[in-house]
Amino acid sequence: MLSGQLGRRLFPMAGRVCLSRGSAGSGAFGPVEAAIRTKLEQALNPEVLELRNESSGHAVPPGSETHFRVAVVSSRFEGLSPLQRHRLVHAALSEELAGPVHALAIQARTPAQWRENPQLDASPPCLGGSKKTRTP
């Protein structure tokens, strides 16, 4: 799922689970990550919220908060298409997406879908904006 160097933090959310995996492993959240977490909790009341700051895997300064991957598990997604689910996430994070967040990978699932596959997908390695494959 994730490499051993990534930090892992669990937070109770009124009987729900919030798992954050930061790339820095420092145990501290940056302001953008904290805002994303708060806004998704308020808008979607998720049963599970996994958030990973993947900025360190991209050509950005250390400590950046520009690239994120999120898994949101909410009963609010019942009966909605993937596009409708993503729109709900985008609406909750409109301020962050208009400003500091450059990339947001979203896994928006119902509780039943999460039980079938309770994992946050891995992102492919960054190629530095060039579409070329990296050579060792």
C-alpha atoms as a PDB file:
ATOM      1  CA  MET A   1       0.000   0.000   0.000  1.00  0.00           C
ATOM      2  CA  LEU A   2       2.511   2.639   1.149  1.00  0.00           C
ATOM      3  CA  SER A   3       6.240   2.586   1.633  1.00  0.00           C
ATOM      4  CA  GLY A   4       7.454   2.262   5.216  1.00  0.00           C
ATOM      5  CA  GLN A   5       8.911   5.770   5.217  1.00  0.00           C
ATOM      6  CA  LEU A   6       5.526   7.461   5.128  1.00  0.00           C
ATOM      7  CA  GLY A   7       4.003   8.646   8.383  1.00  0.00           C
ATOM      8  CA  ARG A   8       0.707   7.218   9.557  1.00  0.00           C
ATOM      9  CA  ARG A   9      -1.704   8.871  11.954  1.00  0.00           C
ATOM     10  CA  LEU A  10      -5.178   7.744  13.063  1.00  0.00           C
ATOM     11  CA  PHE A  11      -7.859  10.145  14.266  1.00  0.00           C
ATOM     12  CA  PRO A  12     -11.253   9.313  15.731  1.00  0.00           C
ATOM     13  CA  MET A  13     -14.179  10.951  13.933  1.00  0.00           C
ATOM     14  CA  ALA A  14     -17.260  10.219  16.052  1.00  0.00           C
ATOM     15  CA  GLY A  15     -16.882   6.465  15.671  1.00  0.00           C
ATOM     16  CA  ARG A  16     -15.279   6.811  12.262  1.00  0.00           C
ATOM     17  CA  VAL A  17     -11.690   6.443  11.135  1.00  0.00           C
ATOM     18  CA  CYS A  18      -9.514   9.146   9.673  1.00  0.00           C
ATOM     19  CA  LEU A  19      -6.125   8.004   8.485  1.00  0.00           C
ATOM     20  CA  SER A  20      -3.568  10.477   7.313  1.00  0.00           C
ATOM     21  CA  ARG A  21      -0.410   9.503   5.556  1.00  0.00           C
ATOM     22  CA  GLY A  22       1.966  12.341   5.083  1.00  0.00           C
ATOM     23  CA  SER A  23       5.064  12.097   2.965  1.00  0.00           C
ATOM     24  CA  ALA A  24       7.173  13.922   5.526  1.00  0.00           C
ATOM     25  CA  GLY A  25       6.519  11.441   8.326  1.00  0.00           C
ATOM     26  CA  SER A  26       6.913  14.268  10.859  1.00  0.00           C
ATOM     27  CA  GLY A  27       3.516  13.768  12.484  1.00  0.00           C
ATOM     28  CA  ALA A  28       2.543  17.376  11.780  1.00  0.00           C
ATOM     29  CA  PHE A  29      -0.021  18.577   9.259  1.00  0.00           C
ATOM     30  CA  GLY A  30       0.480  21.623   7.121  1.00  0.00           C
ATOM     31  CA  PRO A  31      -2.280  24.213   6.849  1.00  0.00           C
ATOM     32  CA  VAL A  32      -3.503  23.001   3.447  1.00  0.00           C
ATOM     33  CA  GLU A  33      -3.737  19.382   4.593  1.00  0.00           C
ATOM     34  CA  ALA A  34      -5.590  20.485   7.744  1.00  0.00           C
ATOM     35  CA  ALA A  35      -8.036  22.558   5.665  1.00  0.00           C
ATOM     36  CA  ILE A  36      -8.680  19.657   3.279  1.00  0.00           C
ATOM     37  CA  ARG A  37      -9.363  17.321   6.179  1.00  0.00           C
ATOM     38  CA  THR A  38     -11.691  19.749   7.959  1.00  0.00           C
ATOM     39  CA  LYS A  39     -13.688  20.665   4.862  1.00  0.00           C
ATOM     40  CA  LEU A  40     -14.194  17.053   3.755  1.00  0.00           C
ATOM     41  CA  GLU A  41     -15.262  16.030   7.271  1.00  0.00           C
ATOM     42  CA  GLN A  42     -17.796  18.862   7.405  1.00  0.00           C
ATOM     43  CA  ALA A  43     -19.165  18.420   3.878  1.00  0.00           C
ATOM     44  CA  LEU A  44     -19.318  14.637   3.613  1.00  0.00           C
ATOM     45  CA  ASN A  45     -19.320  13.217   7.173  1.00  0.00           C
ATOM     46  CA  PRO A  46     -17.034  10.388   5.991  1.00  0.00           C
ATOM     47  CA  GLU A  47     -16.800   7.021   7.660  1.00  0.00           C
ATOM     48  CA  VAL A  48     -13.218   6.845   6.427  1.00  0.00           C
ATOM     49  CA  LEU A  49     -11.001   9.694   5.296  1.00  0.00           C
ATOM     50  CA  GLU A  50      -7.515   8.841   4.136  1.00  0.00           C
ATOM     51  CA  LEU A  51      -5.379  11.736   3.028  1.00  0.00           C
ATOM     52  CA  ARG A  52      -1.863  11.540   1.634  1.00  0.00           C
ATOM     53  CA  ASN A  53       0.343  14.525   0.814  1.00  0.00           C
ATOM     54  CA  GLU A  54       2.305  13.319  -2.222  1.00  0.00           C
ATOM     55  CA  SER A  55       4.048  16.633  -2.881  1.00  0.00           C
ATOM     56  CA  SER A  56       7.504  15.309  -2.004  1.00  0.00           C
ATOM     57  CA  GLY A  57       7.324  12.990  -5.038  1.00  0.00           C
ATOM     58  CA  HIS A  58       7.078  15.964  -7.384  1.00  0.00           C
ATOM     59  CA  ALA A  59       9.315  18.801  -8.518  1.00  0.00           C
ATOM     60  CA  VAL A  60       8.264  21.203  -5.752  1.00  0.00           C
ATOM     61  CA  PRO A  61      10.164  22.720  -2.804  1.00  0.00           C
ATOM     62  CA  PRO A  62      10.433  20.632   0.384  1.00  0.00           C
ATOM     63  CA  GLY A  63       7.437  21.064   2.670  1.00  0.00           C
ATOM     64  CA  SER A  64       5.068  21.900  -0.190  1.00  0.00           C
ATOM     65  CA  GLU A  65       1.382  21.025  -0.055  1.00  0.00           C
ATOM     66  CA  THR A  66       0.474  20.880  -3.718  1.00  0.00           C
ATOM     67  CA  HIS A  67      -0.225  17.228  -4.592  1.00  0.00           C
ATOM     68  CA  PHE A  68      -2.685  15.089  -2.611  1.00  0.00           C
ATOM     69  CA  ARG A  69      -4.438  11.737  -2.823  1.00  0.00           C
ATOM     70  CA  VAL A  70      -7.629  11.228  -0.852  1.00  0.00           C
ATOM     71  CA  ALA A  71      -9.984   8.347  -0.174  1.00  0.00           C
ATOM     72  CA  VAL A  72     -13.381   9.477   1.080  1.00  0.00           C
ATOM     73  CA  VAL A  73     -15.894   6.868   2.192  1.00  0.00           C
ATOM     74  CA  SER A  74     -19.333   8.323   2.745  1.00  0.00           C
ATOM     75  CA  SER A  75     -22.938   7.216   2.623  1.00  0.00           C
ATOM     76  CA  ARG A  76     -23.562  10.539   0.823  1.00  0.00           C
ATOM     77  CA  PHE A  77     -22.129   8.834  -2.286  1.00  0.00           C
ATOM     78  CA  GLU A  78     -24.881   6.177  -2.380  1.00  0.00           C
ATOM     79  CA  GLY A  79     -26.635   6.271  -5.763  1.00  0.00           C
ATOM     80  CA  LEU A  80     -24.234   8.844  -7.243  1.00  0.00           C
ATOM     81  CA  SER A  81     -22.030   8.349 -10.282  1.00  0.00           C
ATOM     82  CA  PRO A  82     -18.242   8.719  -9.902  1.00  0.00           C
ATOM     83  CA  LEU A  83     -18.481  12.127 -11.585  1.00  0.00           C
ATOM     84  CA  GLN A  84     -21.147  13.312  -9.131  1.00  0.00           C
ATOM     85  CA  ARG A  85     -19.025  12.087  -6.205  1.00  0.00           C
ATOM     86  CA  HIS A  86     -15.974  13.946  -7.487  1.00  0.00           C
ATOM     87  CA  ARG A  87     -18.039  17.079  -7.918  1.00  0.00           C
ATOM     88  CA  LEU A  88     -19.024  16.923  -4.239  1.00  0.00           C
ATOM     89  CA  VAL A  89     -15.358  16.652  -3.236  1.00  0.00           C
ATOM     90  CA  HIS A  90     -14.378  19.464  -5.602  1.00  0.00           C
ATOM     91  CA  ALA A  91     -17.159  21.687  -4.257  1.00  0.00           C
ATOM     92  CA  ALA A  92     -15.938  21.147  -0.686  1.00  0.00           C
ATOM     93  CA  LEU A  93     -12.354  21.981  -1.684  1.00  0.00           C
ATOM     94  CA  SER A  94     -12.978  24.738  -4.225  1.00  0.00           C
ATOM     95  CA  GLU A  95     -10.774  27.253  -2.403  1.00  0.00           C
ATOM     96  CA  GLU A  96      -7.816  24.858  -2.151  1.00  0.00           C
ATOM     97  CA  LEU A  97      -8.182  23.743  -5.778  1.00  0.00           C
ATOM     98  CA  ALA A  98      -8.230  27.371  -6.937  1.00  0.00           C
ATOM     99  CA  GLY A  99      -5.053  28.115  -5.023  1.00  0.00           C
ATOM    100  CA  PRO A 100      -2.376  25.963  -3.446  1.00  0.00           C
ATOM    101  CA  VAL A 101      -3.471  22.471  -4.588  1.00  0.00           C
ATOM    102  CA  HIS A 102      -2.144  21.582  -8.026  1.00  0.00           C
ATOM    103  CA  ALA A 103      -3.268  17.941  -8.108  1.00  0.00           C
ATOM    104  CA  LEU A 104      -5.899  15.953  -6.231  1.00  0.00           C
ATOM    105  CA  ALA A 105      -6.440  12.251  -6.873  1.00  0.00           C
ATOM    106  CA  ILE A 106      -9.835  11.202  -5.511  1.00  0.00           C
ATOM    107  CA  GLN A 107     -11.219   7.828  -4.505  1.00  0.00           C
ATOM    108  CA  ALA A 108     -14.843   8.488  -3.546  1.00  0.00           C
ATOM    109  CA  ARG A 109     -16.524   5.293  -2.365  1.00  0.00           C
ATOM    110  CA  THR A 110     -19.583   4.108  -0.538  1.00  0.00           C
ATOM    111  CA  PRO A 111     -19.049   2.115   2.669  1.00  0.00           C
ATOM    112  CA  ALA A 112     -19.874  -1.133   0.833  1.00  0.00           C
ATOM    113  CA  GLN A 113     -17.312  -0.363  -1.888  1.00  0.00           C
ATOM    114  CA  TRP A 114     -14.656   0.408   0.726  1.00  0.00           C
ATOM    115  CA  ARG A 115     -15.285  -2.892   2.526  1.00  0.00           C
ATOM    116  CA  GLU A 116     -14.580  -4.704  -0.774  1.00  0.00           C
ATOM    117  CA  ASN A 117     -11.229  -2.892  -1.238  1.00  0.00           C
ATOM    118  CA  PRO A 118     -10.128  -0.812   1.778  1.00  0.00           C
ATOM    119  CA  GLN A 119      -6.955   0.615   0.260  1.00  0.00           C
ATOM    120  CA  LEU A 120      -5.749   3.970  -0.925  1.00  0.00           C
ATOM    121  CA  ASP A 121      -4.383   3.494  -4.435  1.00  0.00           C
ATOM    122  CA  ALA A 122      -0.749   4.312  -5.194  1.00  0.00           C
ATOM    123  CA  SER A 123       0.144   7.124  -7.558  1.00  0.00           C
ATOM    124  CA  PRO A 124       2.560   6.563 -10.443  1.00  0.00           C
ATOM    125  CA  PRO A 125       5.963   8.222 -10.135  1.00  0.00           C
ATOM    126  CA  CYS A 126       6.214  11.824 -11.255  1.00  0.00           C
ATOM    127  CA  LEU A 127       7.995  12.260 -14.574  1.00  0.00           C
ATOM    128  CA  GLY A 128       8.687  15.931 -13.950  1.00  0.00           C
ATOM    129  CA  GLY A 129       6.100  17.184 -16.393  1.00  0.00           C
ATOM    130  CA  SER A 130       7.880  15.653 -19.390  1.00  0.00           C
ATOM    131  CA  LYS A 131       5.908  12.657 -20.683  1.00  0.00           C
ATOM    132  CA  LYS A 132       9.226  10.803 -21.076  1.00  0.00           C
ATOM    133  CA  THR A 133      10.075   7.694 -19.137  1.00  0.00           C
ATOM    134  CA  ARG A 134      12.823   7.990 -16.574  1.00  0.00           C
ATOM    135  CA  THR A 135      16.063   6.178 -17.113  1.00  0.00           C
ATOM    136  CA  PRO A 136      18.085   4.896 -14.127  1.00  0.00           C
END
